[in-house]
Amino acid sequence: MKIGPFAFLRPPLGDLGATYDDRLRLIEKRVVVDFLLALIELFSLGVTAEELRLKIGDFAPTGVG
């Protein structure tokens, strides 16, 4: 390997930047997946709560009687 006049621009430990970038991409993907799963869970909890309100409303006294 020939060292040129711009050797000071090379990474000091070789090409570890590529592995660091790969790790960041993997972390970003995990964060996005976790965020989407949290949204799905919140939506399903909202739907469940709405169904429970409707069921409770069926048994609630209407005041007519």
N, C-alpha and C. Protein backbone atom coordinates (compact mmCIF):
# COMPACT_ATOMS: atom_id res chain seq x y z
N MET A 1 0.85 -1.17 0.00
CA MET A 1 0.00 0.00 0.00
C MET A 1 0.90 1.24 0.00
N LYS A 2 0.61 2.13 -0.91
CA LYS A 2 1.39 3.34 -1.03
C LYS A 2 0.73 4.46 -0.23
N ILE A 3 1.52 5.16 0.54
CA ILE A 3 1.00 6.28 1.33
C ILE A 3 1.28 7.56 0.55
N GLY A 4 0.22 8.26 0.25
CA GLY A 4 0.33 9.47 -0.55
C GLY A 4 0.45 10.71 0.30
N PRO A 5 0.40 11.88 -0.35
CA PRO A 5 0.55 13.14 0.38
C PRO A 5 -0.66 13.45 1.27
N PHE A 6 -1.78 12.77 1.06
CA PHE A 6 -2.98 13.05 1.86
C PHE A 6 -3.23 11.93 2.87
N ALA A 7 -2.16 11.32 3.37
CA ALA A 7 -2.30 10.23 4.33
C ALA A 7 -2.95 10.71 5.62
N PHE A 8 -2.82 11.97 5.95
CA PHE A 8 -3.42 12.49 7.18
C PHE A 8 -4.95 12.48 7.11
N LEU A 9 -5.53 12.34 5.92
CA LEU A 9 -6.97 12.30 5.77
C LEU A 9 -7.55 10.90 5.97
N ARG A 10 -6.69 9.88 6.00
CA ARG A 10 -7.16 8.51 6.19
C ARG A 10 -7.57 8.30 7.64
N PRO A 11 -8.56 7.44 7.88
CA PRO A 11 -8.94 7.14 9.26
C PRO A 11 -7.78 6.51 10.01
N PRO A 12 -7.58 6.86 11.26
CA PRO A 12 -6.41 6.36 12.00
C PRO A 12 -6.44 4.85 12.24
N LEU A 13 -7.61 4.25 12.36
CA LEU A 13 -7.70 2.82 12.65
C LEU A 13 -8.19 2.02 11.44
N GLY A 14 -7.99 2.52 10.29
CA GLY A 14 -8.46 1.82 9.10
C GLY A 14 -9.87 2.25 8.75
N ASP A 15 -10.62 1.34 8.16
CA ASP A 15 -11.96 1.69 7.70
C ASP A 15 -13.02 1.23 8.69
N LEU A 16 -12.89 1.65 9.93
CA LEU A 16 -13.89 1.32 10.93
C LEU A 16 -15.14 2.18 10.79
N GLY A 17 -15.06 3.24 10.03
CA GLY A 17 -16.23 4.09 9.83
C GLY A 17 -17.36 3.36 9.16
N ALA A 18 -17.04 2.42 8.29
CA ALA A 18 -18.09 1.66 7.60
C ALA A 18 -18.87 0.82 8.59
N THR A 19 -18.18 0.16 9.51
CA THR A 19 -18.90 -0.65 10.49
C THR A 19 -19.71 0.23 11.43
N TYR A 20 -19.20 1.39 11.77
CA TYR A 20 -19.93 2.32 12.62
C TYR A 20 -21.20 2.78 11.92
N ASP A 21 -21.11 3.10 10.62
CA ASP A 21 -22.28 3.50 9.85
C ASP A 21 -23.30 2.37 9.78
N ASP A 22 -22.81 1.14 9.61
CA ASP A 22 -23.71 0.00 9.56
C ASP A 22 -24.45 -0.16 10.88
N ARG A 23 -23.73 0.01 11.98
CA ARG A 23 -24.38 -0.10 13.30
C ARG A 23 -25.43 0.99 13.48
N LEU A 24 -25.13 2.21 13.03
CA LEU A 24 -26.11 3.28 13.15
C LEU A 24 -27.35 2.98 12.34
N ARG A 25 -27.17 2.42 11.15
CA ARG A 25 -28.33 2.06 10.33
C ARG A 25 -29.18 1.01 11.02
N LEU A 26 -28.55 0.02 11.63
CA LEU A 26 -29.29 -1.01 12.35
C LEU A 26 -30.04 -0.43 13.54
N ILE A 27 -29.40 0.48 14.26
CA ILE A 27 -30.05 1.11 15.40
C ILE A 27 -31.24 1.94 14.93
N GLU A 28 -31.07 2.68 13.84
CA GLU A 28 -32.18 3.48 13.31
C GLU A 28 -33.35 2.59 12.92
N LYS A 29 -33.06 1.45 12.30
CA LYS A 29 -34.14 0.54 11.91
C LYS A 29 -34.86 0.02 13.14
N ARG A 30 -34.13 -0.32 14.19
CA ARG A 30 -34.76 -0.82 15.41
C ARG A 30 -35.64 0.26 16.04
N VAL A 31 -35.17 1.51 16.02
CA VAL A 31 -35.95 2.60 16.61
C VAL A 31 -37.24 2.79 15.83
N VAL A 32 -37.16 2.73 14.51
CA VAL A 32 -38.36 2.91 13.68
C VAL A 32 -39.34 1.76 13.93
N VAL A 33 -38.83 0.54 14.00
CA VAL A 33 -39.70 -0.61 14.24
C VAL A 33 -40.36 -0.50 15.62
N ASP A 34 -39.58 -0.14 16.62
CA ASP A 34 -40.14 0.02 17.97
C ASP A 34 -41.21 1.12 17.99
N PHE A 35 -40.97 2.20 17.28
CA PHE A 35 -41.94 3.29 17.23
C PHE A 35 -43.24 2.82 16.56
N LEU A 36 -43.13 2.10 15.46
CA LEU A 36 -44.32 1.61 14.76
C LEU A 36 -45.08 0.61 15.64
N LEU A 37 -44.37 -0.26 16.33
CA LEU A 37 -45.04 -1.20 17.22
C LEU A 37 -45.77 -0.47 18.36
N ALA A 38 -45.16 0.59 18.87
CA ALA A 38 -45.81 1.37 19.93
C ALA A 38 -47.08 2.04 19.40
N LEU A 39 -47.04 2.56 18.18
CA LEU A 39 -48.23 3.16 17.59
C LEU A 39 -49.34 2.13 17.41
N ILE A 40 -48.98 0.95 16.94
CA ILE A 40 -49.98 -0.11 16.76
C ILE A 40 -50.60 -0.49 18.10
N GLU A 41 -49.77 -0.60 19.13
CA GLU A 41 -50.28 -0.96 20.44
C GLU A 41 -51.21 0.12 20.99
N LEU A 42 -50.82 1.38 20.83
CA LEU A 42 -51.69 2.46 21.30
C LEU A 42 -53.01 2.48 20.55
N PHE A 43 -52.98 2.25 19.25
CA PHE A 43 -54.20 2.23 18.47
C PHE A 43 -55.10 1.08 18.92
N SER A 44 -54.51 -0.09 19.15
CA SER A 44 -55.32 -1.24 19.57
C SER A 44 -55.91 -1.00 20.96
N LEU A 45 -55.15 -0.35 21.85
CA LEU A 45 -55.69 -0.01 23.16
C LEU A 45 -56.84 0.97 23.05
N GLY A 46 -56.74 1.92 22.13
CA GLY A 46 -57.82 2.88 21.92
C GLY A 46 -59.07 2.20 21.41
N VAL A 47 -58.91 1.26 20.49
CA VAL A 47 -60.07 0.53 19.95
C VAL A 47 -60.71 -0.30 21.06
N THR A 48 -59.88 -0.95 21.87
CA THR A 48 -60.40 -1.77 22.97
C THR A 48 -61.15 -0.91 23.97
N ALA A 49 -60.61 0.25 24.29
CA ALA A 49 -61.27 1.15 25.24
C ALA A 49 -62.62 1.62 24.68
N GLU A 50 -62.66 1.90 23.40
CA GLU A 50 -63.92 2.34 22.78
C GLU A 50 -64.96 1.22 22.82
N GLU A 51 -64.54 -0.01 22.57
CA GLU A 51 -65.47 -1.13 22.63
C GLU A 51 -65.99 -1.32 24.05
N LEU A 52 -65.11 -1.17 25.04
CA LEU A 52 -65.55 -1.30 26.43
C LEU A 52 -66.55 -0.21 26.79
N ARG A 53 -66.32 1.02 26.31
CA ARG A 53 -67.27 2.11 26.58
C ARG A 53 -68.63 1.79 25.99
N LEU A 54 -68.65 1.23 24.79
CA LEU A 54 -69.92 0.89 24.15
C LEU A 54 -70.63 -0.22 24.91
N LYS A 55 -69.88 -1.22 25.35
CA LYS A 55 -70.49 -2.31 26.11
C LYS A 55 -71.02 -1.83 27.45
N ILE A 56 -70.25 -0.98 28.12
CA ILE A 56 -70.70 -0.44 29.39
C ILE A 56 -71.92 0.45 29.17
N GLY A 57 -71.93 1.18 28.08
CA GLY A 57 -73.06 2.04 27.77
C GLY A 57 -74.35 1.25 27.55
N ASP A 58 -74.24 0.02 27.07
CA ASP A 58 -75.42 -0.81 26.86
C ASP A 58 -76.09 -1.16 28.19
N PHE A 59 -75.29 -1.29 29.25
CA PHE A 59 -75.83 -1.69 30.56
C PHE A 59 -76.11 -0.50 31.46
N ALA A 60 -75.70 0.68 31.06
CA ALA A 60 -75.88 1.86 31.91
C ALA A 60 -77.35 2.25 31.93
N PRO A 61 -77.81 2.69 33.06
CA PRO A 61 -79.22 3.13 33.13
C PRO A 61 -79.42 4.40 32.30
N THR A 62 -80.51 4.46 31.60
CA THR A 62 -80.78 5.61 30.74
C THR A 62 -81.52 6.71 31.45
N GLY A 63 -82.06 6.42 32.63
CA GLY A 63 -82.82 7.45 33.36
C GLY A 63 -84.30 7.39 33.06
N VAL A 64 -84.67 6.56 32.10
CA VAL A 64 -86.09 6.40 31.77
C VAL A 64 -86.61 5.22 32.57
N GLY A 65 -87.70 5.39 33.29
CA GLY A 65 -88.12 4.22 34.00
C GLY A 65 -89.22 4.43 34.86
